[in-house]
Amino acid sequence: YFDGGNEADSTQYDIVTLAALAGDAIHWTNFE
């Protein structure tokens, strides 16, 4: 799963980060 923080617009933001979490079905079931 991927989710971004801020937009690529330097008139509003200084920084953009895209975060992700990756795993198999067993780990996702436990996490959820």
PDB file of all heavy atoms in Angstrom:
ATOM      1  N   TYR A   1       0.847  -1.191   0.000  1.00  0.00           N
ATOM      2  CA  TYR A   1       0.000   0.000   0.000  1.00  0.00           C
ATOM      3  C   TYR A   1       0.883   1.242   0.000  1.00  0.00           C
ATOM      4  O   TYR A   1       1.948   1.257   0.643  1.00  0.00           O
ATOM      5  CB  TYR A   1      -0.908   0.006   1.229  1.00  0.00           C
ATOM      6  CG  TYR A   1      -1.931  -1.108   1.216  1.00  0.00           C
ATOM      7  CD1 TYR A   1      -1.675  -2.331   1.834  1.00  0.00           C
ATOM      8  CD2 TYR A   1      -3.152  -0.945   0.576  1.00  0.00           C
ATOM      9  CE1 TYR A   1      -2.600  -3.358   1.816  1.00  0.00           C
ATOM     10  CE2 TYR A   1      -4.094  -1.974   0.550  1.00  0.00           C
ATOM     11  CZ  TYR A   1      -3.811  -3.169   1.171  1.00  0.00           C
ATOM     12  OH  TYR A   1      -4.730  -4.190   1.145  1.00  0.00           O
ATOM     13  N   PHE A   2       0.423   2.301  -0.707  1.00  0.00           N
ATOM     14  CA  PHE A   2       1.214   3.517  -0.884  1.00  0.00           C
ATOM     15  C   PHE A   2       0.347   4.743  -0.580  1.00  0.00           C
ATOM     16  O   PHE A   2      -0.790   4.842  -1.059  1.00  0.00           O
ATOM     17  CB  PHE A   2       1.708   3.645  -2.332  1.00  0.00           C
ATOM     18  CG  PHE A   2       2.514   2.490  -2.843  1.00  0.00           C
ATOM     19  CD1 PHE A   2       1.894   1.309  -3.243  1.00  0.00           C
ATOM     20  CD2 PHE A   2       3.889   2.580  -2.952  1.00  0.00           C
ATOM     21  CE1 PHE A   2       2.628   0.241  -3.734  1.00  0.00           C
ATOM     22  CE2 PHE A   2       4.638   1.519  -3.451  1.00  0.00           C
ATOM     23  CZ  PHE A   2       4.008   0.345  -3.841  1.00  0.00           C
ATOM     24  N   ASP A   3       0.910   5.672   0.191  1.00  0.00           N
ATOM     25  CA  ASP A   3       0.196   6.916   0.460  1.00  0.00           C
ATOM     26  C   ASP A   3       1.199   8.052   0.544  1.00  0.00           C
ATOM     27  O   ASP A   3       2.258   7.914   1.169  1.00  0.00           O
ATOM     28  CB  ASP A   3      -0.602   6.830   1.754  1.00  0.00           C
ATOM     29  CG  ASP A   3      -1.445   8.079   1.978  1.00  0.00           C
ATOM     30  OD1 ASP A   3      -2.428   8.268   1.250  1.00  0.00           O
ATOM     31  OD2 ASP A   3      -1.108   8.873   2.871  1.00  0.00           O
ATOM     32  N   GLY A   4       0.859   9.176  -0.086  1.00  0.00           N
ATOM     33  CA  GLY A   4       1.769  10.309  -0.137  1.00  0.00           C
ATOM     34  C   GLY A   4       1.430  11.378   0.880  1.00  0.00           C
ATOM     35  O   GLY A   4       0.275  11.565   1.259  1.00  0.00           O
ATOM     36  N   GLY A   5       2.460  12.102   1.293  1.00  0.00           N
ATOM     37  CA  GLY A   5       2.294  13.263   2.152  1.00  0.00           C
ATOM     38  C   GLY A   5       2.724  14.508   1.403  1.00  0.00           C
ATOM     39  O   GLY A   5       3.864  14.600   0.949  1.00  0.00           O
ATOM     40  N   ASN A   6       1.807  15.462   1.253  1.00  0.00           N
ATOM     41  CA  ASN A   6       2.005  16.711   0.507  1.00  0.00           C
ATOM     42  C   ASN A   6       1.932  16.466  -1.004  1.00  0.00           C
ATOM     43  O   ASN A   6       1.869  15.331  -1.474  1.00  0.00           O
ATOM     44  CB  ASN A   6       3.320  17.404   0.869  1.00  0.00           C
ATOM     45  CG  ASN A   6       3.371  17.850   2.322  1.00  0.00           C
ATOM     46  OD1 ASN A   6       2.340  17.916   2.990  1.00  0.00           O
ATOM     47  ND2 ASN A   6       4.561  18.148   2.813  1.00  0.00           N
ATOM     48  N   GLU A   7       1.955  17.559  -1.752  1.00  0.00           N
ATOM     49  CA  GLU A   7       1.923  17.509  -3.204  1.00  0.00           C
ATOM     50  C   GLU A   7       3.197  18.137  -3.764  1.00  0.00           C
ATOM     51  O   GLU A   7       3.884  18.898  -3.078  1.00  0.00           O
ATOM     52  CB  GLU A   7       0.704  18.267  -3.740  1.00  0.00           C
ATOM     53  CG  GLU A   7      -0.625  17.684  -3.286  1.00  0.00           C
ATOM     54  CD  GLU A   7      -1.798  18.496  -3.786  1.00  0.00           C
ATOM     55  OE1 GLU A   7      -1.592  19.424  -4.595  1.00  0.00           O
ATOM     56  OE2 GLU A   7      -2.926  18.221  -3.350  1.00  0.00           O
ATOM     57  N   ALA A   8       3.506  17.817  -5.012  1.00  0.00           N
ATOM     58  CA  ALA A   8       4.716  18.340  -5.652  1.00  0.00           C
ATOM     59  C   ALA A   8       4.482  19.780  -6.106  1.00  0.00           C
ATOM     60  O   ALA A   8       4.487  20.103  -7.294  1.00  0.00           O
ATOM     61  CB  ALA A   8       5.123  17.455  -6.817  1.00  0.00           C
ATOM     62  N   ASP A   9       4.250  20.644  -5.145  1.00  0.00           N
ATOM     63  CA  ASP A   9       3.967  22.061  -5.393  1.00  0.00           C
ATOM     64  C   ASP A   9       4.802  22.872  -4.410  1.00  0.00           C
ATOM     65  O   ASP A   9       4.447  23.011  -3.235  1.00  0.00           O
ATOM     66  CB  ASP A   9       2.476  22.346  -5.202  1.00  0.00           C
ATOM     67  CG  ASP A   9       2.106  23.787  -5.520  1.00  0.00           C
ATOM     68  OD1 ASP A   9       3.010  24.621  -5.686  1.00  0.00           O
ATOM     69  OD2 ASP A   9       0.898  24.080  -5.594  1.00  0.00           O
ATOM     70  N   SER A  10       5.922  23.408  -4.887  1.00  0.00           N
ATOM     71  CA  SER A  10       6.845  24.119  -4.005  1.00  0.00           C
ATOM     72  C   SER A  10       6.305  25.457  -3.545  1.00  0.00           C
ATOM     73  O   SER A  10       6.884  26.089  -2.663  1.00  0.00           O
ATOM     74  CB  SER A  10       8.196  24.317  -4.707  1.00  0.00           C
ATOM     75  OG  SER A  10       8.043  25.131  -5.862  1.00  0.00           O
ATOM     76  N   THR A  11       5.170  25.912  -4.121  1.00  0.00           N
ATOM     77  CA  THR A  11       4.551  27.150  -3.637  1.00  0.00           C
ATOM     78  C   THR A  11       3.762  26.893  -2.351  1.00  0.00           C
ATOM     79  O   THR A  11       3.429  27.834  -1.629  1.00  0.00           O
ATOM     80  CB  THR A  11       3.599  27.753  -4.696  1.00  0.00           C
ATOM     81  OG1 THR A  11       2.486  26.864  -4.904  1.00  0.00           O
ATOM     82  CG2 THR A  11       4.328  27.961  -6.012  1.00  0.00           C
ATOM     83  N   GLN A  12       3.480  25.618  -2.060  1.00  0.00           N
ATOM     84  CA  GLN A  12       2.738  25.283  -0.846  1.00  0.00           C
ATOM     85  C   GLN A  12       3.540  24.430   0.129  1.00  0.00           C
ATOM     86  O   GLN A  12       3.333  24.521   1.339  1.00  0.00           O
ATOM     87  CB  GLN A  12       1.465  24.508  -1.207  1.00  0.00           C
ATOM     88  CG  GLN A  12       0.466  25.263  -2.064  1.00  0.00           C
ATOM     89  CD  GLN A  12      -0.810  24.453  -2.244  1.00  0.00           C
ATOM     90  OE1 GLN A  12      -1.518  24.151  -1.281  1.00  0.00           O
ATOM     91  NE2 GLN A  12      -1.092  24.081  -3.483  1.00  0.00           N
ATOM     92  N   TYR A  13       4.450  23.600  -0.403  1.00  0.00           N
ATOM     93  CA  TYR A  13       5.145  22.638   0.438  1.00  0.00           C
ATOM     94  C   TYR A  13       6.644  22.676   0.181  1.00  0.00           C
ATOM     95  O   TYR A  13       7.099  23.070  -0.890  1.00  0.00           O
ATOM     96  CB  TYR A  13       4.621  21.222   0.164  1.00  0.00           C
ATOM     97  CG  TYR A  13       3.131  21.068   0.336  1.00  0.00           C
ATOM     98  CD1 TYR A  13       2.282  20.989  -0.775  1.00  0.00           C
ATOM     99  CD2 TYR A  13       2.566  20.998   1.599  1.00  0.00           C
ATOM    100  CE1 TYR A  13       0.917  20.844  -0.625  1.00  0.00           C
ATOM    101  CE2 TYR A  13       1.195  20.853   1.761  1.00  0.00           C
ATOM    102  CZ  TYR A  13       0.376  20.781   0.650  1.00  0.00           C
ATOM    103  OH  TYR A  13      -0.974  20.653   0.810  1.00  0.00           O
ATOM    104  N   ASP A  14       7.387  22.212   1.185  1.00  0.00           N
ATOM    105  CA  ASP A  14       8.845  22.107   1.059  1.00  0.00           C
ATOM    106  C   ASP A  14       9.292  20.697   0.690  1.00  0.00           C
ATOM    107  O   ASP A  14      10.399  20.512   0.174  1.00  0.00           O
ATOM    108  CB  ASP A  14       9.524  22.496   2.380  1.00  0.00           C
ATOM    109  CG  ASP A  14       9.274  23.940   2.765  1.00  0.00           C
ATOM    110  OD1 ASP A  14       9.235  24.799   1.862  1.00  0.00           O
ATOM    111  OD2 ASP A  14       9.105  24.211   3.970  1.00  0.00           O
ATOM    112  N   ILE A  15       8.439  19.720   0.924  1.00  0.00           N
ATOM    113  CA  ILE A  15       8.882  18.334   0.894  1.00  0.00           C
ATOM    114  C   ILE A  15       7.717  17.432   0.511  1.00  0.00           C
ATOM    115  O   ILE A  15       6.564  17.742   0.802  1.00  0.00           O
ATOM    116  CB  ILE A  15       9.429  17.961   2.297  1.00  0.00           C
ATOM    117  CG1 ILE A  15      10.070  16.576   2.339  1.00  0.00           C
ATOM    118  CG2 ILE A  15       8.350  18.075   3.358  1.00  0.00           C
ATOM    119  CD1 ILE A  15      10.769  16.299   3.672  1.00  0.00           C
ATOM    120  N   VAL A  16       8.027  16.353  -0.172  1.00  0.00           N
ATOM    121  CA  VAL A  16       7.047  15.323  -0.501  1.00  0.00           C
ATOM    122  C   VAL A  16       7.605  13.979  -0.056  1.00  0.00           C
ATOM    123  O   VAL A  16       8.781  13.677  -0.291  1.00  0.00           O
ATOM    124  CB  VAL A  16       6.750  15.280  -2.014  1.00  0.00           C
ATOM    125  CG1 VAL A  16       6.035  13.990  -2.394  1.00  0.00           C
ATOM    126  CG2 VAL A  16       5.900  16.463  -2.431  1.00  0.00           C
ATOM    127  N   THR A  17       6.767  13.187   0.585  1.00  0.00           N
ATOM    128  CA  THR A  17       7.147  11.833   0.967  1.00  0.00           C
ATOM    129  C   THR A  17       6.087  10.853   0.487  1.00  0.00           C
ATOM    130  O   THR A  17       4.894  11.089   0.682  1.00  0.00           O
ATOM    131  CB  THR A  17       7.315  11.697   2.494  1.00  0.00           C
ATOM    132  OG1 THR A  17       8.393  12.519   2.929  1.00  0.00           O
ATOM    133  CG2 THR A  17       7.594  10.245   2.895  1.00  0.00           C
ATOM    134  N   LEU A  18       6.513   9.791  -0.147  1.00  0.00           N
ATOM    135  CA  LEU A  18       5.642   8.669  -0.452  1.00  0.00           C
ATOM    136  C   LEU A  18       6.027   7.531   0.480  1.00  0.00           C
ATOM    137  O   LEU A  18       7.177   7.085   0.494  1.00  0.00           O
ATOM    138  CB  LEU A  18       5.797   8.216  -1.908  1.00  0.00           C
ATOM    139  CG  LEU A  18       4.927   7.019  -2.315  1.00  0.00           C
ATOM    140  CD1 LEU A  18       3.435   7.347  -2.176  1.00  0.00           C
ATOM    141  CD2 LEU A  18       5.240   6.578  -3.738  1.00  0.00           C
ATOM    142  N   ALA A  19       5.067   7.095   1.286  1.00  0.00           N
ATOM    143  CA  ALA A  19       5.299   5.988   2.214  1.00  0.00           C
ATOM    144  C   ALA A  19       4.607   4.742   1.713  1.00  0.00           C
ATOM    145  O   ALA A  19       3.550   4.805   1.073  1.00  0.00           O
ATOM    146  CB  ALA A  19       4.789   6.351   3.606  1.00  0.00           C
ATOM    147  N   ALA A  20       5.190   3.592   1.997  1.00  0.00           N
ATOM    148  CA  ALA A  20       4.615   2.316   1.594  1.00  0.00           C
ATOM    149  C   ALA A  20       4.807   1.293   2.708  1.00  0.00           C
ATOM    150  O   ALA A  20       5.723   1.402   3.529  1.00  0.00           O
ATOM    151  CB  ALA A  20       5.258   1.814   0.308  1.00  0.00           C
ATOM    152  N   LEU A  21       3.925   0.315   2.722  1.00  0.00           N
ATOM    153  CA  LEU A  21       4.053  -0.857   3.580  1.00  0.00           C
ATOM    154  C   LEU A  21       3.842  -2.077   2.704  1.00  0.00           C
ATOM    155  O   LEU A  21       2.896  -2.120   1.913  1.00  0.00           O
ATOM    156  CB  LEU A  21       3.014  -0.849   4.695  1.00  0.00           C
ATOM    157  CG  LEU A  21       3.334  -0.104   5.988  1.00  0.00           C
ATOM    158  CD1 LEU A  21       2.109  -0.113   6.898  1.00  0.00           C
ATOM    159  CD2 LEU A  21       4.528  -0.733   6.712  1.00  0.00           C
ATOM    160  N   ALA A  22       4.711  -3.075   2.856  1.00  0.00           N
ATOM    161  CA  ALA A  22       4.657  -4.250   1.989  1.00  0.00           C
ATOM    162  C   ALA A  22       4.754  -5.514   2.825  1.00  0.00           C
ATOM    163  O   ALA A  22       5.515  -5.584   3.791  1.00  0.00           O
ATOM    164  CB  ALA A  22       5.802  -4.200   0.971  1.00  0.00           C
ATOM    165  N   GLY A  23       3.966  -6.525   2.427  1.00  0.00           N
ATOM    166  CA  GLY A  23       4.026  -7.796   3.128  1.00  0.00           C
ATOM    167  C   GLY A  23       3.115  -8.821   2.485  1.00  0.00           C
ATOM    168  O   GLY A  23       2.383  -8.521   1.543  1.00  0.00           O
ATOM    169  N   ASP A  24       3.151 -10.043   3.021  1.00  0.00           N
ATOM    170  CA  ASP A  24       2.303 -11.090   2.460  1.00  0.00           C
ATOM    171  C   ASP A  24       0.959 -11.130   3.175  1.00  0.00           C
ATOM    172  O   ASP A  24       0.706 -10.389   4.125  1.00  0.00           O
ATOM    173  CB  ASP A  24       3.005 -12.444   2.481  1.00  0.00           C
ATOM    174  CG  ASP A  24       3.300 -12.955   3.884  1.00  0.00           C
ATOM    175  OD1 ASP A  24       2.569 -12.592   4.832  1.00  0.00           O
ATOM    176  OD2 ASP A  24       4.250 -13.740   4.047  1.00  0.00           O
ATOM    177  N   ALA A  25       0.071 -12.001   2.707  1.00  0.00           N
ATOM    178  CA  ALA A  25      -1.303 -12.018   3.195  1.00  0.00           C
ATOM    179  C   ALA A  25      -1.389 -12.317   4.689  1.00  0.00           C
ATOM    180  O   ALA A  25      -2.229 -11.746   5.396  1.00  0.00           O
ATOM    181  CB  ALA A  25      -2.111 -13.047   2.411  1.00  0.00           C
ATOM    182  N   ILE A  26      -0.544 -13.194   5.186  1.00  0.00           N
ATOM    183  CA  ILE A  26      -0.572 -13.540   6.610  1.00  0.00           C
ATOM    184  C   ILE A  26      -0.262 -12.323   7.465  1.00  0.00           C
ATOM    185  O   ILE A  26      -0.942 -12.039   8.458  1.00  0.00           O
ATOM    186  CB  ILE A  26       0.414 -14.683   6.906  1.00  0.00           C
ATOM    187  CG1 ILE A  26      -0.040 -15.970   6.231  1.00  0.00           C
ATOM    188  CG2 ILE A  26       0.568 -14.890   8.407  1.00  0.00           C
ATOM    189  CD1 ILE A  26       0.932 -17.114   6.365  1.00  0.00           C
ATOM    190  N   HIS A  27       0.762 -11.576   7.076  1.00  0.00           N
ATOM    191  CA  HIS A  27       1.149 -10.405   7.855  1.00  0.00           C
ATOM    192  C   HIS A  27       0.099  -9.305   7.754  1.00  0.00           C
ATOM    193  O   HIS A  27      -0.162  -8.585   8.728  1.00  0.00           O
ATOM    194  CB  HIS A  27       2.515  -9.903   7.391  1.00  0.00           C
ATOM    195  CG  HIS A  27       3.610 -10.892   7.633  1.00  0.00           C
ATOM    196  ND1 HIS A  27       4.494 -11.295   6.658  1.00  0.00           N
ATOM    197  CD2 HIS A  27       3.943 -11.585   8.751  1.00  0.00           C
ATOM    198  CE1 HIS A  27       5.330 -12.177   7.160  1.00  0.00           C
ATOM    199  NE2 HIS A  27       5.017 -12.369   8.420  1.00  0.00           N
ATOM    200  N   TRP A  28      -0.524  -9.162   6.591  1.00  0.00           N
ATOM    201  CA  TRP A  28      -1.569  -8.151   6.454  1.00  0.00           C
ATOM    202  C   TRP A  28      -2.795  -8.509   7.287  1.00  0.00           C
ATOM    203  O   TRP A  28      -3.424  -7.634   7.892  1.00  0.00           O
ATOM    204  CB  TRP A  28      -1.945  -7.962   4.993  1.00  0.00           C
ATOM    205  CG  TRP A  28      -1.016  -7.047   4.270  1.00  0.00           C
ATOM    206  CD1 TRP A  28      -0.193  -7.363   3.232  1.00  0.00           C
ATOM    207  CD2 TRP A  28      -0.798  -5.661   4.549  1.00  0.00           C
ATOM    208  NE1 TRP A  28       0.528  -6.250   2.839  1.00  0.00           N
ATOM    209  CE2 TRP A  28       0.170  -5.194   3.636  1.00  0.00           C
ATOM    210  CE3 TRP A  28      -1.318  -4.776   5.478  1.00  0.00           C
ATOM    211  CZ2 TRP A  28       0.632  -3.873   3.623  1.00  0.00           C
ATOM    212  CZ3 TRP A  28      -0.871  -3.453   5.482  1.00  0.00           C
ATOM    213  CH2 TRP A  28       0.085  -3.030   4.563  1.00  0.00           C
ATOM    214  N   THR A  29      -3.162  -9.766   7.329  1.00  0.00           N
ATOM    215  CA  THR A  29      -4.315 -10.173   8.131  1.00  0.00           C
ATOM    216  C   THR A  29      -4.086  -9.869   9.602  1.00  0.00           C
ATOM    217  O   THR A  29      -4.971  -9.348  10.301  1.00  0.00           O
ATOM    218  CB  THR A  29      -4.589 -11.673   7.930  1.00  0.00           C
ATOM    219  OG1 THR A  29      -4.903 -11.919   6.561  1.00  0.00           O
ATOM    220  CG2 THR A  29      -5.752 -12.129   8.798  1.00  0.00           C
ATOM    221  N   ASN A  30      -2.900 -10.190  10.088  1.00  0.00           N
ATOM    222  CA  ASN A  30      -2.555  -9.917  11.478  1.00  0.00           C
ATOM    223  C   ASN A  30      -2.581  -8.417  11.758  1.00  0.00           C
ATOM    224  O   ASN A  30      -3.155  -7.949  12.757  1.00  0.00           O
ATOM    225  CB  ASN A  30      -1.168 -10.492  11.777  1.00  0.00           C
ATOM    226  CG  ASN A  30      -0.691 -10.151  13.177  1.00  0.00           C
ATOM    227  OD1 ASN A  30      -1.428 -10.276  14.156  1.00  0.00           O
ATOM    228  ND2 ASN A  30       0.552  -9.712  13.278  1.00  0.00           N
ATOM    229  N   PHE A  31      -1.980  -7.633  10.870  1.00  0.00           N
ATOM    230  CA  PHE A  31      -1.932  -6.177  11.051  1.00  0.00           C
ATOM    231  C   PHE A  31      -3.328  -5.561  11.039  1.00  0.00           C
ATOM    232  O   PHE A  31      -3.672  -4.747  11.911  1.00  0.00           O
ATOM    233  CB  PHE A  31      -1.076  -5.552   9.943  1.00  0.00           C
ATOM    234  CG  PHE A  31      -1.204  -4.052   9.867  1.00  0.00           C
ATOM    235  CD1 PHE A  31      -0.497  -3.239  10.736  1.00  0.00           C
ATOM    236  CD2 PHE A  31      -2.047  -3.460   8.940  1.00  0.00           C
ATOM    237  CE1 PHE A  31      -0.630  -1.854  10.682  1.00  0.00           C
ATOM    238  CE2 PHE A  31      -2.183  -2.079   8.870  1.00  0.00           C
ATOM    239  CZ  PHE A  31      -1.472  -1.275   9.750  1.00  0.00           C
ATOM    240  N   GLU A  32      -4.140  -5.931  10.066  1.00  0.00           N
ATOM    241  CA  GLU A  32      -5.464  -5.324   9.934  1.00  0.00           C
ATOM    242  C   GLU A  32      -6.354  -5.655  11.121  1.00  0.00           C
ATOM    243  O   GLU A  32      -7.147  -4.811  11.573  1.00  0.00           O
ATOM    244  CB  GLU A  32      -6.099  -5.781   8.623  1.00  0.00           C
ATOM    245  CG  GLU A  32      -5.432  -5.156   7.407  1.00  0.00           C
ATOM    246  CD  GLU A  32      -5.809  -5.810   6.101  1.00  0.00           C
ATOM    247  OE1 GLU A  32      -6.562  -6.817   6.125  1.00  0.00           O
ATOM    248  OE2 GLU A  32      -5.358  -5.330   5.050  1.00  0.00           O
TER     249      GLU A  32
END
